[in-house]
N, C-alpha and C. Protein backbone atom coordinates (compact mmCIF):
# COMPACT_ATOMS: atom_id res chain seq x y z
N MET A 1 3.22 32.60 22.84
CA MET A 1 3.87 31.60 22.00
C MET A 1 4.67 30.63 22.85
N ARG A 2 5.43 31.18 23.84
CA ARG A 2 6.23 30.32 24.70
C ARG A 2 5.34 29.35 25.48
N ARG A 3 4.18 29.87 25.97
CA ARG A 3 3.25 29.00 26.70
C ARG A 3 2.73 27.88 25.80
N ARG A 4 2.45 28.24 24.54
CA ARG A 4 1.92 27.24 23.60
C ARG A 4 2.95 26.15 23.35
N ILE A 5 4.20 26.56 23.15
CA ILE A 5 5.28 25.59 22.91
C ILE A 5 5.47 24.71 24.13
N ALA A 6 5.42 25.31 25.31
CA ALA A 6 5.57 24.54 26.55
C ALA A 6 4.45 23.53 26.70
N SER A 7 3.24 23.94 26.32
CA SER A 7 2.09 23.02 26.43
C SER A 7 2.26 21.84 25.49
N ILE A 8 2.74 22.10 24.28
CA ILE A 8 2.96 21.04 23.30
C ILE A 8 4.01 20.06 23.79
N ILE A 9 5.10 20.60 24.36
CA ILE A 9 6.17 19.74 24.88
C ILE A 9 5.65 18.89 26.03
N LEU A 10 4.85 19.50 26.92
CA LEU A 10 4.29 18.76 28.05
C LEU A 10 3.37 17.66 27.58
N LEU A 11 2.52 17.94 26.58
CA LEU A 11 1.60 16.94 26.06
C LEU A 11 2.37 15.78 25.43
N ALA A 12 3.43 16.09 24.70
CA ALA A 12 4.24 15.05 24.08
C ALA A 12 4.88 14.16 25.14
N ALA A 13 5.30 14.77 26.24
CA ALA A 13 5.92 14.00 27.31
C ALA A 13 4.91 13.10 28.01
N LEU A 14 3.65 13.54 28.05
CA LEU A 14 2.62 12.77 28.75
C LEU A 14 2.01 11.67 27.90
N LEU A 15 2.18 11.71 26.59
CA LEU A 15 1.54 10.72 25.72
C LEU A 15 1.85 9.28 26.08
N PRO A 16 3.12 8.92 26.34
CA PRO A 16 3.39 7.53 26.74
C PRO A 16 2.67 7.13 28.01
N VAL A 17 2.59 8.07 28.96
CA VAL A 17 1.91 7.77 30.22
C VAL A 17 0.42 7.58 30.00
N LEU A 18 -0.18 8.46 29.20
CA LEU A 18 -1.61 8.36 28.91
C LEU A 18 -1.93 7.08 28.17
N SER A 19 -1.05 6.68 27.26
CA SER A 19 -1.27 5.44 26.51
C SER A 19 -1.22 4.24 27.43
N ALA A 20 -0.28 4.27 28.38
CA ALA A 20 -0.14 3.14 29.32
C ALA A 20 -1.36 3.03 30.22
N CYS A 21 -1.98 4.20 30.53
CA CYS A 21 -3.12 4.19 31.43
C CYS A 21 -4.42 3.80 30.73
N ARG A 22 -4.43 3.88 29.39
CA ARG A 22 -5.65 3.55 28.66
C ARG A 22 -6.00 2.08 28.85
N GLN A 23 -7.26 1.80 29.16
CA GLN A 23 -7.70 0.44 29.42
C GLN A 23 -7.70 -0.37 28.13
N GLU A 24 -7.03 -1.50 28.16
CA GLU A 24 -6.99 -2.39 26.99
C GLU A 24 -8.34 -3.10 26.84
N ASP A 25 -8.86 -3.12 25.62
CA ASP A 25 -10.09 -3.86 25.34
C ASP A 25 -9.70 -5.27 24.89
N TYR A 26 -9.61 -6.18 25.86
CA TYR A 26 -9.16 -7.53 25.55
C TYR A 26 -10.18 -8.33 24.75
N THR A 27 -11.43 -7.88 24.71
CA THR A 27 -12.42 -8.61 23.91
C THR A 27 -12.06 -8.58 22.42
N GLU A 28 -11.25 -7.61 22.02
CA GLU A 28 -10.82 -7.55 20.62
C GLU A 28 -9.85 -8.66 20.27
N HIS A 29 -9.34 -9.35 21.30
CA HIS A 29 -8.35 -10.41 21.09
C HIS A 29 -8.94 -11.80 21.33
N ILE A 30 -10.25 -11.92 21.37
CA ILE A 30 -10.89 -13.24 21.52
C ILE A 30 -10.89 -13.95 20.18
N SER A 31 -10.43 -15.19 20.17
CA SER A 31 -10.40 -15.98 18.93
C SER A 31 -11.38 -17.15 18.97
N GLU A 32 -11.97 -17.41 20.14
CA GLU A 32 -13.01 -18.43 20.25
C GLU A 32 -13.86 -18.13 21.47
N VAL A 33 -15.18 -18.22 21.31
CA VAL A 33 -16.08 -18.03 22.44
C VAL A 33 -17.29 -18.93 22.26
N ARG A 34 -17.55 -19.75 23.28
CA ARG A 34 -18.75 -20.58 23.32
C ARG A 34 -19.71 -19.90 24.30
N ARG A 35 -20.79 -19.34 23.76
CA ARG A 35 -21.68 -18.51 24.55
C ARG A 35 -22.82 -19.27 25.21
N ASP A 36 -23.23 -20.37 24.60
CA ASP A 36 -24.40 -21.06 25.13
C ASP A 36 -24.33 -22.54 24.80
N ILE A 37 -25.03 -23.33 25.60
CA ILE A 37 -25.14 -24.77 25.40
C ILE A 37 -26.60 -25.15 25.61
N PHE A 38 -27.12 -25.97 24.70
CA PHE A 38 -28.49 -26.47 24.79
C PHE A 38 -28.45 -27.99 24.93
N CYS A 39 -29.30 -28.53 25.79
CA CYS A 39 -29.29 -29.97 26.06
C CYS A 39 -30.68 -30.58 25.90
N ALA A 40 -30.69 -31.85 25.47
CA ALA A 40 -31.92 -32.63 25.38
C ALA A 40 -31.55 -34.10 25.51
N GLN A 41 -32.51 -34.93 25.88
CA GLN A 41 -32.23 -36.36 26.06
C GLN A 41 -33.45 -37.19 25.66
N THR A 42 -33.19 -38.33 25.01
CA THR A 42 -34.22 -39.31 24.70
C THR A 42 -33.73 -40.66 25.19
N GLU A 43 -34.52 -41.69 24.97
CA GLU A 43 -34.11 -43.04 25.38
C GLU A 43 -32.96 -43.57 24.53
N ASP A 44 -32.73 -42.96 23.36
CA ASP A 44 -31.69 -43.44 22.46
C ASP A 44 -30.40 -42.62 22.50
N PHE A 45 -30.47 -41.36 22.89
CA PHE A 45 -29.28 -40.51 22.84
C PHE A 45 -29.42 -39.30 23.76
N THR A 46 -28.26 -38.72 24.05
CA THR A 46 -28.19 -37.42 24.73
C THR A 46 -27.64 -36.41 23.75
N LEU A 47 -28.28 -35.27 23.65
CA LEU A 47 -27.90 -34.26 22.66
C LEU A 47 -27.38 -33.01 23.34
N THR A 48 -26.28 -32.49 22.80
CA THR A 48 -25.73 -31.21 23.24
C THR A 48 -25.52 -30.32 22.02
N LEU A 49 -26.04 -29.12 22.07
CA LEU A 49 -25.87 -28.15 20.99
C LEU A 49 -25.13 -26.94 21.53
N SER A 50 -24.01 -26.60 20.91
CA SER A 50 -23.19 -25.48 21.36
C SER A 50 -23.24 -24.34 20.36
N CYS A 51 -23.27 -23.12 20.87
CA CYS A 51 -23.22 -21.91 20.04
C CYS A 51 -21.82 -21.32 20.18
N THR A 52 -21.04 -21.44 19.12
CA THR A 52 -19.62 -21.09 19.19
C THR A 52 -19.23 -20.13 18.08
N SER A 53 -18.45 -19.13 18.43
CA SER A 53 -17.80 -18.26 17.45
C SER A 53 -16.32 -18.59 17.48
N ARG A 54 -15.75 -18.87 16.30
CA ARG A 54 -14.36 -19.35 16.27
C ARG A 54 -13.62 -18.73 15.08
N GLU A 55 -12.35 -18.44 15.32
CA GLU A 55 -11.52 -17.87 14.26
C GLU A 55 -11.24 -18.88 13.16
N TYR A 56 -10.90 -18.38 11.99
CA TYR A 56 -10.42 -19.23 10.90
C TYR A 56 -9.26 -18.51 10.23
N PRO A 57 -8.11 -19.18 10.06
CA PRO A 57 -7.81 -20.55 10.51
C PRO A 57 -7.66 -20.63 12.03
N TYR A 58 -7.94 -21.81 12.57
CA TYR A 58 -7.92 -22.04 14.01
C TYR A 58 -6.52 -22.46 14.43
N ALA A 59 -5.86 -21.63 15.25
CA ALA A 59 -4.49 -21.94 15.66
C ALA A 59 -4.16 -21.21 16.95
N ASP A 60 -3.42 -21.87 17.84
CA ASP A 60 -2.96 -21.25 19.09
C ASP A 60 -1.65 -20.52 18.84
N ASP A 61 -1.72 -19.46 18.05
CA ASP A 61 -0.50 -18.74 17.67
C ASP A 61 -0.42 -17.35 18.27
N GLY A 62 -1.40 -17.00 19.10
CA GLY A 62 -1.38 -15.68 19.72
C GLY A 62 -1.98 -14.58 18.87
N ILE A 63 -2.49 -14.94 17.69
CA ILE A 63 -3.08 -13.95 16.77
C ILE A 63 -4.56 -14.25 16.62
N ALA A 64 -5.40 -13.32 17.01
CA ALA A 64 -6.85 -13.50 16.89
C ALA A 64 -7.31 -13.09 15.50
N CYS A 65 -7.86 -14.05 14.75
CA CYS A 65 -8.36 -13.79 13.41
C CYS A 65 -9.88 -13.61 13.45
N PRO A 66 -10.49 -13.10 12.38
CA PRO A 66 -11.96 -12.95 12.35
C PRO A 66 -12.66 -14.27 12.63
N MET A 67 -13.79 -14.18 13.36
CA MET A 67 -14.51 -15.38 13.78
C MET A 67 -15.78 -15.59 12.95
N SER A 68 -16.19 -16.85 12.87
CA SER A 68 -17.46 -17.23 12.25
C SER A 68 -18.33 -17.90 13.30
N ASP A 69 -19.65 -17.76 13.16
CA ASP A 69 -20.60 -18.36 14.10
C ASP A 69 -20.97 -19.76 13.65
N LEU A 70 -20.90 -20.72 14.59
CA LEU A 70 -21.16 -22.12 14.29
C LEU A 70 -22.14 -22.73 15.28
N ILE A 71 -23.01 -23.59 14.76
CA ILE A 71 -23.80 -24.49 15.58
C ILE A 71 -23.06 -25.82 15.60
N GLU A 72 -22.77 -26.36 16.79
CA GLU A 72 -22.09 -27.65 16.91
C GLU A 72 -22.96 -28.59 17.73
N VAL A 73 -23.33 -29.72 17.12
CA VAL A 73 -24.23 -30.67 17.78
C VAL A 73 -23.48 -31.97 18.03
N THR A 74 -23.60 -32.49 19.25
CA THR A 74 -23.03 -33.79 19.62
C THR A 74 -24.16 -34.68 20.13
N LEU A 75 -24.23 -35.90 19.58
CA LEU A 75 -25.23 -36.87 20.03
C LEU A 75 -24.51 -38.09 20.57
N THR A 76 -24.66 -38.34 21.87
CA THR A 76 -24.02 -39.47 22.53
C THR A 76 -25.03 -40.61 22.63
N PRO A 77 -24.76 -41.75 21.99
CA PRO A 77 -25.77 -42.81 21.93
C PRO A 77 -25.90 -43.61 23.21
N ALA A 78 -27.15 -43.90 23.57
CA ALA A 78 -27.45 -44.91 24.58
C ALA A 78 -27.72 -46.23 23.87
N VAL A 79 -28.24 -46.11 22.65
CA VAL A 79 -28.50 -47.25 21.77
C VAL A 79 -27.97 -46.91 20.39
N SER A 80 -27.19 -47.79 19.79
CA SER A 80 -26.63 -47.52 18.47
C SER A 80 -27.75 -47.42 17.43
N PRO A 81 -27.68 -46.42 16.54
CA PRO A 81 -28.72 -46.26 15.54
C PRO A 81 -28.60 -47.30 14.43
N ALA A 82 -29.74 -47.72 13.90
CA ALA A 82 -29.75 -48.68 12.79
C ALA A 82 -29.79 -47.91 11.48
N GLY A 83 -28.75 -47.11 11.23
CA GLY A 83 -28.71 -46.31 10.02
C GLY A 83 -28.07 -44.96 10.27
N ASP A 84 -28.31 -44.03 9.36
CA ASP A 84 -27.70 -42.71 9.44
C ASP A 84 -28.33 -41.86 10.55
N VAL A 85 -27.56 -40.86 10.98
CA VAL A 85 -28.04 -39.90 11.98
C VAL A 85 -28.09 -38.52 11.32
N LEU A 86 -29.27 -37.92 11.32
CA LEU A 86 -29.46 -36.60 10.72
C LEU A 86 -29.96 -35.63 11.77
N VAL A 87 -29.49 -34.39 11.69
CA VAL A 87 -29.87 -33.35 12.64
C VAL A 87 -30.38 -32.14 11.87
N TYR A 88 -31.57 -31.66 12.22
CA TYR A 88 -32.13 -30.48 11.56
C TYR A 88 -32.81 -29.57 12.58
N ALA A 89 -32.67 -28.27 12.35
CA ALA A 89 -33.51 -27.32 13.07
C ALA A 89 -34.94 -27.53 12.59
N ALA A 90 -35.91 -27.35 13.49
CA ALA A 90 -37.30 -27.59 13.13
C ALA A 90 -37.75 -26.70 11.97
N ASP A 91 -37.17 -25.49 11.87
CA ASP A 91 -37.52 -24.59 10.77
C ASP A 91 -36.67 -24.83 9.53
N GLU A 92 -35.79 -25.86 9.60
CA GLU A 92 -34.93 -26.26 8.48
C GLU A 92 -33.98 -25.15 8.03
N SER A 93 -33.65 -24.24 8.94
CA SER A 93 -32.69 -23.19 8.61
C SER A 93 -31.27 -23.73 8.54
N TRP A 94 -31.04 -24.87 9.13
CA TRP A 94 -29.75 -25.55 9.05
C TRP A 94 -29.97 -27.03 9.34
N GLY A 95 -28.99 -27.85 8.97
CA GLY A 95 -29.07 -29.27 9.28
C GLY A 95 -28.35 -30.13 8.26
N GLY A 96 -28.22 -31.42 8.59
CA GLY A 96 -27.55 -32.36 7.71
C GLY A 96 -27.19 -33.63 8.44
N GLU A 97 -26.34 -34.43 7.81
CA GLU A 97 -25.95 -35.73 8.38
C GLU A 97 -24.82 -35.56 9.39
N ALA A 98 -24.96 -36.19 10.53
CA ALA A 98 -23.92 -36.18 11.56
C ALA A 98 -22.91 -37.29 11.27
N SER A 99 -21.65 -37.01 11.57
CA SER A 99 -20.58 -37.98 11.34
C SER A 99 -20.22 -38.68 12.64
N PHE A 100 -19.90 -39.96 12.55
CA PHE A 100 -19.51 -40.71 13.74
C PHE A 100 -18.05 -40.44 14.06
N SER A 101 -17.77 -40.15 15.33
CA SER A 101 -16.40 -39.95 15.80
C SER A 101 -15.93 -41.21 16.51
N ALA A 102 -15.00 -41.92 15.87
CA ALA A 102 -14.48 -43.14 16.47
C ALA A 102 -13.68 -42.83 17.74
N VAL A 103 -13.12 -41.64 17.80
CA VAL A 103 -12.32 -41.25 18.97
C VAL A 103 -13.21 -41.05 20.19
N HIS A 104 -14.34 -40.38 20.00
CA HIS A 104 -15.22 -40.05 21.13
C HIS A 104 -16.42 -40.97 21.25
N GLY A 105 -16.70 -41.76 20.22
CA GLY A 105 -17.83 -42.68 20.27
C GLY A 105 -19.17 -42.00 20.19
N ASP A 106 -19.23 -40.83 19.53
CA ASP A 106 -20.49 -40.11 19.39
C ASP A 106 -20.65 -39.60 17.96
N TYR A 107 -21.78 -38.94 17.71
CA TYR A 107 -22.08 -38.38 16.39
C TYR A 107 -22.00 -36.87 16.47
N ARG A 108 -21.39 -36.25 15.42
CA ARG A 108 -21.14 -34.82 15.47
C ARG A 108 -21.56 -34.13 14.17
N PHE A 109 -22.10 -32.93 14.34
CA PHE A 109 -22.52 -32.13 13.20
C PHE A 109 -22.25 -30.67 13.51
N SER A 110 -21.76 -29.92 12.52
CA SER A 110 -21.55 -28.49 12.70
C SER A 110 -21.88 -27.75 11.41
N GLN A 111 -22.33 -26.52 11.55
CA GLN A 111 -22.68 -25.71 10.39
C GLN A 111 -22.64 -24.24 10.77
N GLY A 112 -22.19 -23.42 9.83
CA GLY A 112 -22.21 -21.98 10.05
C GLY A 112 -23.63 -21.44 10.05
N VAL A 113 -23.87 -20.45 10.90
CA VAL A 113 -25.21 -19.85 11.00
C VAL A 113 -25.08 -18.33 11.07
N ASP A 114 -26.20 -17.66 10.82
CA ASP A 114 -26.24 -16.21 10.91
C ASP A 114 -26.63 -15.74 12.30
N THR A 115 -27.46 -16.53 12.98
CA THR A 115 -27.91 -16.17 14.33
C THR A 115 -27.94 -17.41 15.22
N PHE A 116 -27.79 -17.18 16.52
CA PHE A 116 -27.87 -18.27 17.50
C PHE A 116 -29.26 -18.30 18.13
N PRO A 117 -29.73 -19.48 18.53
CA PRO A 117 -31.01 -19.56 19.25
C PRO A 117 -30.84 -19.01 20.66
N ALA A 118 -31.97 -18.74 21.30
CA ALA A 118 -31.96 -18.26 22.69
C ALA A 118 -33.06 -18.96 23.46
N GLY A 119 -32.73 -19.39 24.67
CA GLY A 119 -33.74 -20.03 25.53
C GLY A 119 -33.93 -21.50 25.24
N SER A 120 -34.43 -21.80 24.05
CA SER A 120 -34.62 -23.19 23.64
C SER A 120 -34.60 -23.26 22.12
N VAL A 121 -34.40 -24.46 21.59
CA VAL A 121 -34.38 -24.65 20.14
C VAL A 121 -35.04 -25.98 19.82
N ASP A 122 -35.96 -25.97 18.85
CA ASP A 122 -36.66 -27.18 18.43
C ASP A 122 -35.86 -27.87 17.32
N LEU A 123 -35.69 -29.18 17.48
CA LEU A 123 -34.87 -29.96 16.56
C LEU A 123 -35.62 -31.20 16.08
N ARG A 124 -35.22 -31.66 14.90
CA ARG A 124 -35.72 -32.93 14.39
C ARG A 124 -34.51 -33.84 14.16
N ILE A 125 -34.53 -35.01 14.79
CA ILE A 125 -33.41 -35.94 14.74
C ILE A 125 -33.86 -37.25 14.09
N ALA A 126 -33.18 -37.64 13.03
CA ALA A 126 -33.37 -38.96 12.44
C ALA A 126 -32.31 -39.87 13.02
N TRP A 127 -32.72 -40.81 13.84
CA TRP A 127 -31.80 -41.73 14.53
C TRP A 127 -32.00 -43.11 13.93
N GLY A 128 -31.28 -43.34 12.83
CA GLY A 128 -31.50 -44.59 12.11
C GLY A 128 -32.91 -44.62 11.54
N GLU A 129 -33.70 -45.60 11.95
CA GLU A 129 -35.07 -45.75 11.44
C GLU A 129 -36.09 -44.96 12.26
N ARG A 130 -35.64 -44.33 13.34
CA ARG A 130 -36.56 -43.58 14.20
C ARG A 130 -36.35 -42.07 14.03
N THR A 131 -37.42 -41.32 14.21
CA THR A 131 -37.35 -39.87 14.12
C THR A 131 -37.86 -39.25 15.42
N TYR A 132 -37.10 -38.29 15.93
CA TYR A 132 -37.47 -37.61 17.17
C TYR A 132 -37.64 -36.11 16.90
N GLU A 133 -38.59 -35.52 17.56
CA GLU A 133 -38.70 -34.06 17.63
C GLU A 133 -38.45 -33.67 19.08
N VAL A 134 -37.38 -32.92 19.29
CA VAL A 134 -36.97 -32.59 20.66
C VAL A 134 -36.81 -31.08 20.81
N ALA A 135 -36.97 -30.61 22.02
CA ALA A 135 -36.72 -29.21 22.37
C ALA A 135 -35.51 -29.18 23.29
N ALA A 136 -34.41 -28.66 22.79
CA ALA A 136 -33.20 -28.53 23.61
C ALA A 136 -33.23 -27.19 24.33
N THR A 137 -32.96 -27.21 25.62
CA THR A 137 -33.05 -25.99 26.43
C THR A 137 -31.66 -25.51 26.85
N SER A 138 -31.53 -24.21 26.98
CA SER A 138 -30.26 -23.59 27.34
C SER A 138 -29.89 -23.90 28.79
N VAL A 139 -28.60 -24.08 29.03
CA VAL A 139 -28.11 -24.30 30.40
C VAL A 139 -27.87 -22.98 31.12
N ARG A 140 -27.93 -21.87 30.39
CA ARG A 140 -27.71 -20.56 31.00
C ARG A 140 -28.87 -20.18 31.90
N THR A 141 -28.56 -19.50 32.98
CA THR A 141 -29.58 -18.93 33.87
C THR A 141 -29.30 -17.44 34.02
N GLU A 142 -30.14 -16.76 34.76
CA GLU A 142 -29.92 -15.33 35.00
C GLU A 142 -28.63 -15.08 35.77
N GLU A 143 -28.18 -16.09 36.52
CA GLU A 143 -26.96 -15.92 37.33
C GLU A 143 -25.69 -16.26 36.55
N THR A 144 -25.82 -16.82 35.36
CA THR A 144 -24.64 -17.22 34.60
C THR A 144 -23.89 -15.99 34.09
N LEU A 145 -22.60 -15.95 34.35
CA LEU A 145 -21.77 -14.84 33.88
C LEU A 145 -21.73 -14.82 32.36
N SER A 146 -21.55 -13.64 31.80
CA SER A 146 -21.34 -13.52 30.36
C SER A 146 -19.92 -13.94 30.03
N PRO A 147 -19.63 -14.31 28.78
CA PRO A 147 -18.25 -14.63 28.40
C PRO A 147 -17.30 -13.47 28.68
N GLU A 148 -17.79 -12.24 28.48
CA GLU A 148 -16.95 -11.07 28.73
C GLU A 148 -16.59 -10.94 30.20
N ALA A 149 -17.54 -11.27 31.08
CA ALA A 149 -17.26 -11.23 32.52
C ALA A 149 -16.27 -12.32 32.91
N ALA A 150 -16.40 -13.49 32.28
CA ALA A 150 -15.45 -14.58 32.54
C ALA A 150 -14.05 -14.19 32.07
N LEU A 151 -13.97 -13.53 30.93
CA LEU A 151 -12.68 -13.05 30.43
C LEU A 151 -12.06 -12.07 31.41
N ALA A 152 -12.88 -11.21 32.00
CA ALA A 152 -12.37 -10.22 32.95
C ALA A 152 -11.75 -10.88 34.18
N VAL A 153 -12.26 -12.05 34.56
CA VAL A 153 -11.66 -12.78 35.69
C VAL A 153 -10.21 -13.10 35.38
N LEU A 154 -9.95 -13.56 34.16
CA LEU A 154 -8.57 -13.89 33.78
C LEU A 154 -7.72 -12.64 33.66
N THR A 155 -8.21 -11.62 32.98
CA THR A 155 -7.38 -10.43 32.77
C THR A 155 -7.03 -9.74 34.08
N GLU A 156 -7.91 -9.83 35.07
CA GLU A 156 -7.62 -9.21 36.36
C GLU A 156 -6.66 -10.06 37.20
N SER A 157 -6.79 -11.39 37.10
CA SER A 157 -5.95 -12.26 37.93
C SER A 157 -4.59 -12.54 37.30
N GLU A 158 -4.47 -12.34 35.99
CA GLU A 158 -3.23 -12.66 35.29
C GLU A 158 -2.61 -11.42 34.64
N SER A 159 -2.66 -10.31 35.34
CA SER A 159 -2.13 -9.07 34.78
C SER A 159 -0.64 -9.16 34.46
N GLU A 160 0.13 -9.87 35.29
CA GLU A 160 1.56 -10.02 35.03
C GLU A 160 1.80 -10.84 33.77
N THR A 161 0.99 -11.88 33.57
CA THR A 161 1.10 -12.70 32.36
C THR A 161 0.83 -11.86 31.13
N LEU A 162 -0.22 -11.06 31.18
CA LEU A 162 -0.59 -10.23 30.02
C LEU A 162 0.48 -9.18 29.74
N THR A 163 1.13 -8.69 30.79
CA THR A 163 2.22 -7.74 30.60
C THR A 163 3.38 -8.39 29.86
N ARG A 164 3.69 -9.64 30.19
CA ARG A 164 4.77 -10.37 29.50
C ARG A 164 4.44 -10.59 28.03
N MET A 165 3.16 -10.61 27.71
CA MET A 165 2.74 -10.87 26.33
C MET A 165 2.66 -9.60 25.50
N ARG A 166 3.14 -8.50 26.04
CA ARG A 166 3.17 -7.24 25.28
C ARG A 166 4.53 -7.06 24.63
N LYS A 167 4.51 -6.58 23.41
CA LYS A 167 5.74 -6.28 22.67
C LYS A 167 5.65 -4.85 22.17
N GLU A 168 6.59 -4.04 22.64
CA GLU A 168 6.61 -2.62 22.28
C GLU A 168 5.27 -1.96 22.59
N GLY A 169 4.69 -2.34 23.73
CA GLY A 169 3.45 -1.73 24.17
C GLY A 169 2.19 -2.30 23.56
N VAL A 170 2.33 -3.29 22.67
CA VAL A 170 1.17 -3.88 21.99
C VAL A 170 0.93 -5.29 22.53
N PHE A 171 -0.31 -5.59 22.90
CA PHE A 171 -0.64 -6.93 23.39
C PHE A 171 -0.63 -7.91 22.23
N CYS A 172 0.13 -9.00 22.39
CA CYS A 172 0.29 -10.00 21.33
C CYS A 172 -0.17 -11.36 21.83
N GLY A 173 -1.44 -11.49 22.08
CA GLY A 173 -2.00 -12.75 22.56
C GLY A 173 -3.44 -12.91 22.10
N GLU A 174 -4.00 -14.08 22.34
CA GLU A 174 -5.40 -14.35 21.99
C GLU A 174 -6.05 -15.12 23.14
N PHE A 175 -7.37 -15.00 23.23
CA PHE A 175 -8.14 -15.62 24.30
C PHE A 175 -9.15 -16.61 23.74
N ARG A 176 -9.38 -17.67 24.52
CA ARG A 176 -10.45 -18.62 24.23
C ARG A 176 -11.34 -18.68 25.47
N VAL A 177 -12.64 -18.51 25.26
CA VAL A 177 -13.61 -18.50 26.37
C VAL A 177 -14.71 -19.50 26.03
N ARG A 178 -14.81 -20.56 26.83
CA ARG A 178 -15.78 -21.62 26.53
C ARG A 178 -16.67 -21.89 27.73
N LEU A 179 -17.96 -21.77 27.53
CA LEU A 179 -18.92 -22.21 28.54
C LEU A 179 -18.93 -23.73 28.57
N LEU A 180 -18.87 -24.32 29.77
CA LEU A 180 -18.87 -25.77 29.93
C LEU A 180 -20.05 -26.17 30.81
N ARG A 181 -20.53 -27.38 30.60
CA ARG A 181 -21.61 -27.90 31.43
C ARG A 181 -21.25 -29.28 31.94
N ARG A 182 -21.22 -29.44 33.26
CA ARG A 182 -21.09 -30.75 33.90
C ARG A 182 -22.28 -30.88 34.84
N GLU A 183 -22.06 -30.94 36.14
CA GLU A 183 -23.18 -30.88 37.07
C GLU A 183 -23.68 -29.44 37.20
N GLN A 184 -22.82 -28.50 36.88
CA GLN A 184 -23.17 -27.08 36.89
C GLN A 184 -22.41 -26.41 35.76
N ASN A 185 -22.56 -25.10 35.63
CA ASN A 185 -21.89 -24.37 34.56
C ASN A 185 -20.51 -23.88 34.99
N TYR A 186 -19.57 -23.99 34.07
CA TYR A 186 -18.21 -23.49 34.28
C TYR A 186 -17.79 -22.71 33.04
N TYR A 187 -16.70 -21.99 33.18
CA TYR A 187 -16.03 -21.40 32.03
C TYR A 187 -14.58 -21.87 32.00
N TYR A 188 -14.14 -22.24 30.81
CA TYR A 188 -12.73 -22.44 30.53
C TYR A 188 -12.26 -21.17 29.84
N VAL A 189 -11.27 -20.50 30.42
CA VAL A 189 -10.74 -19.26 29.84
C VAL A 189 -9.23 -19.40 29.73
N ALA A 190 -8.70 -19.17 28.53
CA ALA A 190 -7.27 -19.35 28.31
C ALA A 190 -6.72 -18.19 27.50
N VAL A 191 -5.43 -17.92 27.70
CA VAL A 191 -4.72 -16.92 26.92
C VAL A 191 -3.39 -17.52 26.48
N THR A 192 -2.99 -17.20 25.25
CA THR A 192 -1.69 -17.67 24.75
C THR A 192 -1.11 -16.62 23.81
N ASP A 193 0.21 -16.57 23.78
CA ASP A 193 0.90 -15.72 22.81
C ASP A 193 1.62 -16.57 21.77
N GLY A 194 1.27 -17.86 21.73
CA GLY A 194 1.92 -18.78 20.81
C GLY A 194 3.05 -19.55 21.45
N GLU A 195 3.50 -19.10 22.62
CA GLU A 195 4.57 -19.78 23.34
C GLU A 195 4.12 -20.16 24.75
N GLU A 196 3.63 -19.19 25.47
CA GLU A 196 3.14 -19.41 26.84
C GLU A 196 1.62 -19.49 26.84
N GLN A 197 1.05 -20.35 27.69
CA GLN A 197 -0.40 -20.43 27.80
C GLN A 197 -0.81 -20.55 29.26
N ILE A 198 -1.83 -19.78 29.64
CA ILE A 198 -2.44 -19.85 30.96
C ILE A 198 -3.91 -20.19 30.76
N ALA A 199 -4.42 -21.17 31.51
CA ALA A 199 -5.82 -21.57 31.40
C ALA A 199 -6.44 -21.63 32.79
N LEU A 200 -7.67 -21.13 32.90
CA LEU A 200 -8.40 -21.14 34.17
C LEU A 200 -9.72 -21.87 34.01
N LEU A 201 -10.13 -22.57 35.06
CA LEU A 201 -11.48 -23.11 35.16
C LEU A 201 -12.22 -22.24 36.17
N ILE A 202 -13.33 -21.65 35.76
CA ILE A 202 -14.03 -20.66 36.56
C ILE A 202 -15.46 -21.10 36.83
N ASP A 203 -15.92 -20.89 38.04
CA ASP A 203 -17.34 -21.09 38.35
C ASP A 203 -18.13 -20.06 37.56
N ALA A 204 -19.05 -20.52 36.71
CA ALA A 204 -19.76 -19.61 35.80
C ALA A 204 -20.79 -18.74 36.49
N GLN A 205 -21.03 -18.99 37.76
CA GLN A 205 -22.00 -18.18 38.50
C GLN A 205 -21.31 -17.17 39.41
N THR A 206 -20.27 -17.61 40.10
CA THR A 206 -19.61 -16.74 41.08
C THR A 206 -18.34 -16.09 40.56
N GLY A 207 -17.74 -16.65 39.50
CA GLY A 207 -16.48 -16.14 38.99
C GLY A 207 -15.27 -16.65 39.76
N GLU A 208 -15.48 -17.56 40.71
CA GLU A 208 -14.37 -18.11 41.49
C GLU A 208 -13.47 -18.96 40.60
N ILE A 209 -12.16 -18.79 40.75
CA ILE A 209 -11.19 -19.59 40.01
C ILE A 209 -11.04 -20.93 40.72
N LEU A 210 -11.38 -22.01 40.01
CA LEU A 210 -11.35 -23.35 40.60
C LEU A 210 -10.09 -24.12 40.25
N ALA A 211 -9.47 -23.78 39.13
CA ALA A 211 -8.25 -24.47 38.71
C ALA A 211 -7.43 -23.54 37.84
N HIS A 212 -6.10 -23.74 37.88
CA HIS A 212 -5.16 -22.90 37.13
C HIS A 212 -4.11 -23.81 36.51
N ARG A 213 -3.84 -23.59 35.22
CA ARG A 213 -2.81 -24.40 34.56
C ARG A 213 -1.95 -23.50 33.68
N ALA A 214 -0.64 -23.69 33.80
CA ALA A 214 0.32 -22.94 32.99
C ALA A 214 1.15 -23.91 32.18
N THR A 215 1.29 -23.65 30.89
CA THR A 215 2.09 -24.51 30.01
C THR A 215 2.98 -23.65 29.13
């Protein structure tokens, strides 16, 4: 009986230590992730299609809410369309009229979806009086890191920041992970608790941190 009581007391004493050693699953705190980007170009426009999961409501408050999957299409004009701009998946599983953004000077369309395309996606674009059928291809390669691997770059390099964002042993922050495409692939990875924010620009192939910003 004494041994049993001693074992119980020892286990109770070790619980805080064991809890501290348990690896935090930071993927549970992601509130936005852009997993893939598809690109296509014609003589009239350049098209970018992003596959994004995003929380609702969308806010940098440190609280990760349930996410919804969205297709986001941006069409940057080389020639202004003589009429409306419509975007449809070739199988008509989604689509509609794109809105002009006076701020960015492009046309934008977004819609919730059940699944994301992979590899390439066939689209039908009504550009004013002209209609295009295009195949947008993914910018991802076999060497492109996963969003989870990009997140790990931040969690490993910013361990002190994440410790500051804990309250009574509970992590109180949210992450945003966005695949970016310029001349090559990058990841923007950020964490915030609603007050402090750390953002990294990461090489999407090597995981090298290229830029760091704290606000």
